[in-house]
PDB file of N, CA and C in Angstrom:
ATOM      1  N   MET A   1     117.015  91.106  83.243  1.00  0.00           N
ATOM      2  CA  MET A   1     116.471  91.102  84.578  1.00  0.00           C
ATOM      3  C   MET A   1     115.563  92.320  84.805  1.00  0.00           C
ATOM      4  N   LEU A   2     116.019  93.492  84.362  1.00  0.00           N
ATOM      5  CA  LEU A   2     115.244  94.713  84.524  1.00  0.00           C
ATOM      6  C   LEU A   2     113.943  94.642  83.736  1.00  0.00           C
ATOM      7  N   GLU A   3     113.993  94.084  82.544  1.00  0.00           N
ATOM      8  CA  GLU A   3     112.775  93.961  81.727  1.00  0.00           C
ATOM      9  C   GLU A   3     111.744  93.080  82.418  1.00  0.00           C
ATOM     10  N   LYS A   4     112.207  92.022  83.061  1.00  0.00           N
ATOM     11  CA  LYS A   4     111.296  91.121  83.767  1.00  0.00           C
ATOM     12  C   LYS A   4     110.626  91.857  84.929  1.00  0.00           C
ATOM     13  N   GLN A   5     111.410  92.653  85.671  1.00  0.00           N
ATOM     14  CA  GLN A   5     110.845  93.408  86.788  1.00  0.00           C
ATOM     15  C   GLN A   5     109.860  94.467  86.307  1.00  0.00           C
ATOM     16  N   GLU A   6     110.182  95.130  85.202  1.00  0.00           N
ATOM     17  CA  GLU A   6     109.272  96.131  84.643  1.00  0.00           C
ATOM     18  C   GLU A   6     107.967  95.482  84.196  1.00  0.00           C
ATOM     19  N   SER A   7     108.073  94.295  83.619  1.00  0.00           N
ATOM     20  CA  SER A   7     106.881  93.568  83.187  1.00  0.00           C
ATOM     21  C   SER A   7     106.025  93.184  84.390  1.00  0.00           C
ATOM     22  N   GLN A   8     106.672  92.707  85.451  1.00  0.00           N
ATOM     23  CA  GLN A   8     105.935  92.344  86.659  1.00  0.00           C
ATOM     24  C   GLN A   8     105.268  93.573  87.284  1.00  0.00           C
ATOM     25  N   PHE A   9     105.991  94.677  87.315  1.00  0.00           N
ATOM     26  CA  PHE A   9     105.441  95.912  87.852  1.00  0.00           C
ATOM     27  C   PHE A   9     104.233  96.365  87.038  1.00  0.00           C
ATOM     28  N   SER A  10     104.330  96.285  85.728  1.00  0.00           N
ATOM     29  CA  SER A  10     103.227  96.672  84.847  1.00  0.00           C
ATOM     30  C   SER A  10     102.005  95.791  85.105  1.00  0.00           C
ATOM     31  N   GLN A  11     102.241  94.502  85.275  1.00  0.00           N
ATOM     32  CA  GLN A  11     101.131  93.577  85.552  1.00  0.00           C
ATOM     33  C   GLN A  11     100.478  93.900  86.894  1.00  0.00           C
ATOM     34  N   LEU A  12     101.304  94.212  87.897  1.00  0.00           N
ATOM     35  CA  LEU A  12     100.757  94.576  89.209  1.00  0.00           C
ATOM     36  C   LEU A  12      99.946  95.866  89.134  1.00  0.00           C
ATOM     37  N   ARG A  13     100.431  96.835  88.381  1.00  0.00           N
ATOM     38  CA  ARG A  13      99.702  98.095  88.221  1.00  0.00           C
ATOM     39  C   ARG A  13      98.362  97.849  87.536  1.00  0.00           C
ATOM     40  N   ASP A  14      98.359  97.021  86.494  1.00  0.00           N
ATOM     41  CA  ASP A  14      97.105  96.695  85.806  1.00  0.00           C
ATOM     42  C   ASP A  14      96.141  95.990  86.754  1.00  0.00           C
ATOM     43  N   HIS A  15      96.674  95.084  87.560  1.00  0.00           N
ATOM     44  CA  HIS A  15      95.846  94.352  88.526  1.00  0.00           C
ATOM     45  C   HIS A  15      95.239  95.327  89.545  1.00  0.00           C
ATOM     46  N   PHE A  16      96.044  96.249  90.044  1.00  0.00           N
ATOM     47  CA  PHE A  16      95.545  97.232  91.003  1.00  0.00           C
ATOM     48  C   PHE A  16      94.480  98.121  90.377  1.00  0.00           C
ATOM     49  N   ASP A  17      94.703  98.561  89.136  1.00  0.00           N
ATOM     50  CA  ASP A  17      93.715  99.402  88.456  1.00  0.00           C
ATOM     51  C   ASP A  17      92.382  98.678  88.313  1.00  0.00           C
ATOM     52  N   ARG A  18      92.429  97.397  87.963  1.00  0.00           N
ATOM     53  CA  ARG A  18      91.183  96.613  87.860  1.00  0.00           C
ATOM     54  C   ARG A  18      90.531  96.479  89.230  1.00  0.00           C
ATOM     55  N   TYR A  19      91.332  96.263  90.266  1.00  0.00           N
ATOM     56  CA  TYR A  19      90.808  96.157  91.626  1.00  0.00           C
ATOM     57  C   TYR A  19      90.143  97.470  92.044  1.00  0.00           C
ATOM     58  N   ALA A  20      90.799  98.581  91.769  1.00  0.00           N
ATOM     59  CA  ALA A  20      90.261  99.889  92.146  1.00  0.00           C
ATOM     60  C   ALA A  20      88.934 100.169  91.453  1.00  0.00           C
ATOM     61  N   GLU A  21      88.773  99.675  90.227  1.00  0.00           N
ATOM     62  CA  GLU A  21      87.513  99.874  89.506  1.00  0.00           C
ATOM     63  C   GLU A  21      86.373  99.102  90.162  1.00  0.00           C
ATOM     64  N   THR A  22      86.662  97.941  90.712  1.00  0.00           N
ATOM     65  CA  THR A  22      85.609  97.121  91.308  1.00  0.00           C
ATOM     66  C   THR A  22      85.492  97.313  92.822  1.00  0.00           C
ATOM     67  N   HIS A  23      86.490  97.959  93.440  1.00  0.00           N
ATOM     68  CA  HIS A  23      86.487  98.216  94.877  1.00  0.00           C
ATOM     69  C   HIS A  23      86.852  99.678  95.137  1.00  0.00           C
ATOM     70  N   PRO A  24      86.030 100.588  94.679  1.00  0.00           N
ATOM     71  CA  PRO A  24      86.376 102.010  94.836  1.00  0.00           C
ATOM     72  C   PRO A  24      86.265 102.466  96.288  1.00  0.00           C
ATOM     73  N   ASP A  25      87.049 103.497  96.627  1.00  0.00           N
ATOM     74  CA  ASP A  25      86.930 104.121  97.942  1.00  0.00           C
ATOM     75  C   ASP A  25      85.656 104.958  97.982  1.00  0.00           C
ATOM     76  N   ASP A  26      85.158 105.180  99.182  1.00  0.00           N
ATOM     77  CA  ASP A  26      83.968 106.014  99.360  1.00  0.00           C
ATOM     78  C   ASP A  26      84.403 107.479  99.381  1.00  0.00           C
ATOM     79  N   LEU A  27      84.398 108.092  98.213  1.00  0.00           N
ATOM     80  CA  LEU A  27      84.850 109.474  98.093  1.00  0.00           C
ATOM     81  C   LEU A  27      83.916 110.460  98.783  1.00  0.00           C
ATOM     82  N   SER A  28      82.704 110.014  99.100  1.00  0.00           N
ATOM     83  CA  SER A  28      81.745 110.924  99.723  1.00  0.00           C
ATOM     84  C   SER A  28      82.089 111.226 101.181  1.00  0.00           C
ATOM     85  N   VAL A  29      83.093 110.552 101.755  1.00  0.00           N
ATOM     86  CA  VAL A  29      83.520 110.899 103.117  1.00  0.00           C
ATOM     87  C   VAL A  29      84.331 112.189 103.108  1.00  0.00           C
ATOM     88  N   ILE A  30      84.746 112.619 101.927  1.00  0.00           N
ATOM     89  CA  ILE A  30      85.489 113.870 101.786  1.00  0.00           C
ATOM     90  C   ILE A  30      84.489 115.022 101.787  1.00  0.00           C
ATOM     91  N   LYS A  31      84.727 115.994 102.666  1.00  0.00           N
ATOM     92  CA  LYS A  31      83.821 117.135 102.780  1.00  0.00           C
ATOM     93  C   LYS A  31      83.737 117.871 101.441  1.00  0.00           C
ATOM     94  N   GLY A  32      82.524 118.015 100.932  1.00  0.00           N
ATOM     95  CA  GLY A  32      82.292 118.700  99.660  1.00  0.00           C
ATOM     96  C   GLY A  32      81.973 117.753  98.516  1.00  0.00           C
ATOM     97  N   ILE A  33      82.191 116.456  98.738  1.00  0.00           N
ATOM     98  CA  ILE A  33      81.870 115.469  97.696  1.00  0.00           C
ATOM     99  C   ILE A  33      80.634 114.703  98.140  1.00  0.00           C
ATOM    100  N   GLY A  34      79.575 114.869  97.376  1.00  0.00           N
ATOM    101  CA  GLY A  34      78.352 114.116  97.627  1.00  0.00           C
ATOM    102  C   GLY A  34      78.215 113.006  96.602  1.00  0.00           C
ATOM    103  N   ARG A  35      77.043 112.432  96.537  1.00  0.00           N
ATOM    104  CA  ARG A  35      76.814 111.316  95.610  1.00  0.00           C
ATOM    105  C   ARG A  35      77.052 111.711  94.160  1.00  0.00           C
ATOM    106  N   ILE A  36      76.600 112.896  93.761  1.00  0.00           N
ATOM    107  CA  ILE A  36      76.726 113.320  92.362  1.00  0.00           C
ATOM    108  C   ILE A  36      78.193 113.519  91.982  1.00  0.00           C
ATOM    109  N   TYR A  37      78.930 114.264  92.814  1.00  0.00           N
ATOM    110  CA  TYR A  37      80.346 114.473  92.498  1.00  0.00           C
ATOM    111  C   TYR A  37      81.117 113.152  92.546  1.00  0.00           C
ATOM    112  N   GLN A  38      80.769 112.279  93.484  1.00  0.00           N
ATOM    113  CA  GLN A  38      81.438 110.974  93.538  1.00  0.00           C
ATOM    114  C   GLN A  38      81.215 110.219  92.225  1.00  0.00           C
ATOM    115  N   TRP A  39      79.997 110.219  91.749  1.00  0.00           N
ATOM    116  CA  TRP A  39      79.669 109.538  90.492  1.00  0.00           C
ATOM    117  C   TRP A  39      80.465 110.152  89.330  1.00  0.00           C
ATOM    118  N   LYS A  40      80.496 111.487  89.281  1.00  0.00           N
ATOM    119  CA  LYS A  40      81.228 112.165  88.203  1.00  0.00           C
ATOM    120  C   LYS A  40      82.736 111.910  88.310  1.00  0.00           C
ATOM    121  N   LEU A  41      83.260 111.898  89.532  1.00  0.00           N
ATOM    122  CA  LEU A  41      84.686 111.618  89.716  1.00  0.00           C
ATOM    123  C   LEU A  41      85.030 110.213  89.239  1.00  0.00           C
ATOM    124  N   ARG A  42      84.182 109.264  89.576  1.00  0.00           N
ATOM    125  CA  ARG A  42      84.434 107.882  89.125  1.00  0.00           C
ATOM    126  C   ARG A  42      84.369 107.789  87.610  1.00  0.00           C
ATOM    127  N   ASP A  43      83.430 108.490  87.000  1.00  0.00           N
ATOM    128  CA  ASP A  43      83.364 108.520  85.536  1.00  0.00           C
ATOM    129  C   ASP A  43      84.632 109.109  84.927  1.00  0.00           C
ATOM    130  N   ALA A  44      85.246 110.047  85.643  1.00  0.00           N
ATOM    131  CA  ALA A  44      86.467 110.696  85.160  1.00  0.00           C
ATOM    132  C   ALA A  44      87.717 109.880  85.499  1.00  0.00           C
ATOM    133  N   GLY A  45      87.539 108.736  86.180  1.00  0.00           N
ATOM    134  CA  GLY A  45      88.673 107.859  86.466  1.00  0.00           C
ATOM    135  C   GLY A  45      89.232 107.969  87.866  1.00  0.00           C
ATOM    136  N   TYR A  46      88.563 108.689  88.742  1.00  0.00           N
ATOM    137  CA  TYR A  46      89.016 108.826  90.127  1.00  0.00           C
ATOM    138  C   TYR A  46      88.168 107.921  91.017  1.00  0.00           C
ATOM    139  N   SER A  47      88.714 106.761  91.385  1.00  0.00           N
ATOM    140  CA  SER A  47      87.969 105.795  92.185  1.00  0.00           C
ATOM    141  C   SER A  47      88.550 105.600  93.579  1.00  0.00           C
ATOM    142  N   THR A  48      89.768 106.071  93.791  1.00  0.00           N
ATOM    143  CA  THR A  48      90.423 105.864  95.082  1.00  0.00           C
ATOM    144  C   THR A  48      90.919 107.188  95.648  1.00  0.00           C
ATOM    145  N   TYR A  49      91.177 107.170  96.955  1.00  0.00           N
ATOM    146  CA  TYR A  49      91.750 108.357  97.594  1.00  0.00           C
ATOM    147  C   TYR A  49      93.100 108.686  96.969  1.00  0.00           C
ATOM    148  N   GLY A  50      93.883 107.657  96.677  1.00  0.00           N
ATOM    149  CA  GLY A  50      95.201 107.864  96.094  1.00  0.00           C
ATOM    150  C   GLY A  50      95.138 108.565  94.747  1.00  0.00           C
ATOM    151  N   GLN A  51      94.183 108.161  93.919  1.00  0.00           N
ATOM    152  CA  GLN A  51      94.023 108.805  92.615  1.00  0.00           C
ATOM    153  C   GLN A  51      93.626 110.264  92.776  1.00  0.00           C
ATOM    154  N   LEU A  52      92.702 110.512  93.692  1.00  0.00           N
ATOM    155  CA  LEU A  52      92.251 111.889  93.924  1.00  0.00           C
ATOM    156  C   LEU A  52      93.363 112.721  94.550  1.00  0.00           C
ATOM    157  N   ALA A  53      94.173 112.111  95.415  1.00  0.00           N
ATOM    158  CA  ALA A  53      95.274 112.827  96.076  1.00  0.00           C
ATOM    159  C   ALA A  53      96.301 113.330  95.073  1.00  0.00           C
ATOM    160  N   GLN A  54      96.406 112.671  93.920  1.00  0.00           N
ATOM    161  CA  GLN A  54      97.381 113.059  92.902  1.00  0.00           C
ATOM    162  C   GLN A  54      96.776 113.918  91.797  1.00  0.00           C
ATOM    163  N   ALA A  55      95.506 114.245  91.940  1.00  0.00           N
ATOM    164  CA  ALA A  55      94.804 114.997  90.896  1.00  0.00           C
ATOM    165  C   ALA A  55      95.278 116.444  90.815  1.00  0.00           C
ATOM    166  N   ASP A  56      95.000 117.038  89.684  1.00  0.00           N
ATOM    167  CA  ASP A  56      95.276 118.450  89.454  1.00  0.00           C
ATOM    168  C   ASP A  56      93.970 119.224  89.658  1.00  0.00           C
ATOM    169  N   THR A  57      94.031 120.295  90.436  1.00  0.00           N
ATOM    170  CA  THR A  57      92.834 121.074  90.758  1.00  0.00           C
ATOM    171  C   THR A  57      92.091 121.538  89.506  1.00  0.00           C
ATOM    172  N   GLN A  58      92.816 122.094  88.557  1.00  0.00           N
ATOM    173  CA  GLN A  58      92.166 122.602  87.347  1.00  0.00           C
ATOM    174  C   GLN A  58      91.546 121.467  86.535  1.00  0.00           C
ATOM    175  N   HIS A  59      92.220 120.317  86.505  1.00  0.00           N
ATOM    176  CA  HIS A  59      91.657 119.173  85.779  1.00  0.00           C
ATOM    177  C   HIS A  59      90.333 118.751  86.403  1.00  0.00           C
ATOM    178  N   LEU A  60      90.282 118.727  87.735  1.00  0.00           N
ATOM    179  CA  LEU A  60      89.025 118.383  88.407  1.00  0.00           C
ATOM    180  C   LEU A  60      87.936 119.393  88.062  1.00  0.00           C
ATOM    181  N   ARG A  61      88.274 120.672  88.070  1.00  0.00           N
ATOM    182  CA  ARG A  61      87.289 121.704  87.706  1.00  0.00           C
ATOM    183  C   ARG A  61      86.784 121.492  86.283  1.00  0.00           C
ATOM    184  N   ASP A  62      87.698 121.110  85.395  1.00  0.00           N
ATOM    185  CA  ASP A  62      87.316 120.907  83.993  1.00  0.00           C
ATOM    186  C   ASP A  62      86.424 119.680  83.815  1.00  0.00           C
ATOM    187  N   VAL A  63      86.829 118.536  84.376  1.00  0.00           N
ATOM    188  CA  VAL A  63      86.057 117.310  84.160  1.00  0.00           C
ATOM    189  C   VAL A  63      84.721 117.331  84.886  1.00  0.00           C
ATOM    190  N   LEU A  64      84.641 118.093  85.985  1.00  0.00           N
ATOM    191  CA  LEU A  64      83.384 118.184  86.721  1.00  0.00           C
ATOM    192  C   LEU A  64      82.547 119.378  86.291  1.00  0.00           C
ATOM    193  N   ASP A  65      83.089 120.159  85.361  1.00  0.00           N
ATOM    194  CA  ASP A  65      82.390 121.331  84.830  1.00  0.00           C
ATOM    195  C   ASP A  65      81.995 122.291  85.956  1.00  0.00           C
ATOM    196  N   ILE A  66      82.969 122.580  86.826  1.00  0.00           N
ATOM    197  CA  ILE A  66      82.743 123.486  87.950  1.00  0.00           C
ATOM    198  C   ILE A  66      83.012 124.913  87.487  1.00  0.00           C
ATOM    199  N   GLU A  67      82.038 125.745  87.646  1.00  0.00           N
ATOM    200  CA  GLU A  67      82.158 127.150  87.258  1.00  0.00           C
ATOM    201  C   GLU A  67      82.908 127.932  88.337  1.00  0.00           C
ATOM    202  N   PRO A  68      83.610 128.990  87.955  1.00  0.00           N
ATOM    203  CA  PRO A  68      84.372 129.785  88.934  1.00  0.00           C
ATOM    204  C   PRO A  68      83.513 130.351  90.067  1.00  0.00           C
ATOM    205  N   TRP A  69      82.258 130.629  89.807  1.00  0.00           N
ATOM    206  CA  TRP A  69      81.399 131.220  90.826  1.00  0.00           C
ATOM    207  C   TRP A  69      80.923 130.199  91.862  1.00  0.00           C
ATOM    208  N   GLN A  70      81.082 128.914  91.563  1.00  0.00           N
ATOM    209  CA  GLN A  70      80.643 127.884  92.510  1.00  0.00           C
ATOM    210  C   GLN A  70      81.614 127.805  93.698  1.00  0.00           C
ATOM    211  N   LYS A  71      81.082 127.508  94.865  1.00  0.00           N
ATOM    212  CA  LYS A  71      81.897 127.440  96.077  1.00  0.00           C
ATOM    213  C   LYS A  71      82.592 126.094  96.247  1.00  0.00           C
ATOM    214  N   THR A  72      82.588 125.276  95.236  1.00  0.00           N
ATOM    215  CA  THR A  72      83.231 123.970  95.269  1.00  0.00           C
ATOM    216  C   THR A  72      84.747 124.156  95.332  1.00  0.00           C
ATOM    217  N   ASP A  73      85.418 123.385  96.206  1.00  0.00           N
ATOM    218  CA  ASP A  73      86.850 123.547  96.428  1.00  0.00           C
ATOM    219  C   ASP A  73      87.610 122.235  96.172  1.00  0.00           C
ATOM    220  N   PRO A  74      87.922 121.926  94.911  1.00  0.00           N
ATOM    221  CA  PRO A  74      88.649 120.687  94.608  1.00  0.00           C
ATOM    222  C   PRO A  74      90.011 120.595  95.282  1.00  0.00           C
ATOM    223  N   GLN A  75      90.667 121.719  95.544  1.00  0.00           N
ATOM    224  CA  GLN A  75      91.966 121.672  96.237  1.00  0.00           C
ATOM    225  C   GLN A  75      91.802 121.072  97.629  1.00  0.00           C
ATOM    226  N   SER A  76      90.713 121.402  98.287  1.00  0.00           N
ATOM    227  CA  SER A  76      90.420 120.833  99.606  1.00  0.00           C
ATOM    228  C   SER A  76      90.198 119.327  99.495  1.00  0.00           C
ATOM    229  N   TRP A  77      89.552 118.887  98.437  1.00  0.00           N
ATOM    230  CA  TRP A  77      89.324 117.457  98.229  1.00  0.00           C
ATOM    231  C   TRP A  77      90.654 116.726  98.104  1.00  0.00           C
ATOM    232  N   ILE A  78      91.559 117.317  97.342  1.00  0.00           N
ATOM    233  CA  ILE A  78      92.877 116.718  97.134  1.00  0.00           C
ATOM    234  C   ILE A  78      93.608 116.594  98.467  1.00  0.00           C
ATOM    235  N   GLU A  79      93.574 117.650  99.260  1.00  0.00           N
ATOM    236  CA  GLU A  79      94.242 117.645 100.561  1.00  0.00           C
ATOM    237  C   GLU A  79      93.638 116.601 101.494  1.00  0.00           C
ATOM    238  N   GLN A  80      92.305 116.499 101.508  1.00  0.00           N
ATOM    239  CA  GLN A  80      91.651 115.495 102.346  1.00  0.00           C
ATOM    240  C   GLN A  80      91.991 114.084 101.870  1.00  0.00           C
ATOM    241  N   ALA A  81      92.040 113.900 100.561  1.00  0.00           N
ATOM    242  CA  ALA A  81      92.381 112.586 100.000  1.00  0.00           C
ATOM    243  C   ALA A  81      93.824 112.215 100.349  1.00  0.00           C
ATOM    244  N   GLN A  82      94.715 113.187 100.401  1.00  0.00           N
ATOM    245  CA  GLN A  82      96.103 112.917 100.790  1.00  0.00           C
ATOM    246  C   GLN A  82      96.167 112.425 102.229  1.00  0.00           C
ATOM    247  N   VAL A  83      95.376 113.041 103.106  1.00  0.00           N
ATOM    248  CA  VAL A  83      95.327 112.602 104.504  1.00  0.00           C
ATOM    249  C   VAL A  83      94.778 111.182 104.584  1.00  0.00           C
ATOM    250  N   LEU A  84      93.709 110.911 103.869  1.00  0.00           N
ATOM    251  CA  LEU A  84      93.111 109.582 103.884  1.00  0.00           C
ATOM    252  C   LEU A  84      94.055 108.536 103.309  1.00  0.00           C
ATOM    253  N   THR A  85      94.833 108.912 102.325  1.00  0.00           N
ATOM    254  CA  THR A  85      95.793 107.982 101.726  1.00  0.00           C
ATOM    255  C   THR A  85      96.877 107.627 102.745  1.00  0.00           C
ATOM    256  N   ARG A  86      97.327 108.598 103.493  1.00  0.00           N
ATOM    257  CA  ARG A  86      98.363 108.338 104.503  1.00  0.00           C
ATOM    258  C   ARG A  86      97.825 107.441 105.624  1.00  0.00           C
ATOM    259  N   ARG A  87      96.548 107.555 105.917  1.00  0.00           N
ATOM    260  CA  ARG A  87      95.948 106.719 106.981  1.00  0.00           C
ATOM    261  C   ARG A  87      95.894 105.256 106.568  1.00  0.00           C
ATOM    262  N   ASP A  88      95.624 105.029 105.271  1.00  0.00           N
ATOM    263  CA  ASP A  88      95.517 103.647 104.783  1.00  0.00           C
ATOM    264  C   ASP A  88      96.902 103.088 104.669  1.00  0.00           C
TER     265      ASP A  88
END
């Protein structure tokens, strides 16, 4: 019984991932994310507020190639995405 539920859950997760790829959230509503960062985030696998809300700040800095001197604040993006996730 448990194996059947795990299989169903896995199928639902795969279905959601495919849906998220074709129906991404508009990440540019988050202050600090423009068209370029949105494009780069999607390339890195972040297509929804939920995905961004669970991201690691350092990982975002690494995949977006953000230098320490830049005023970009990925932690703020994560916090805003968490708020947006709760609204949905």
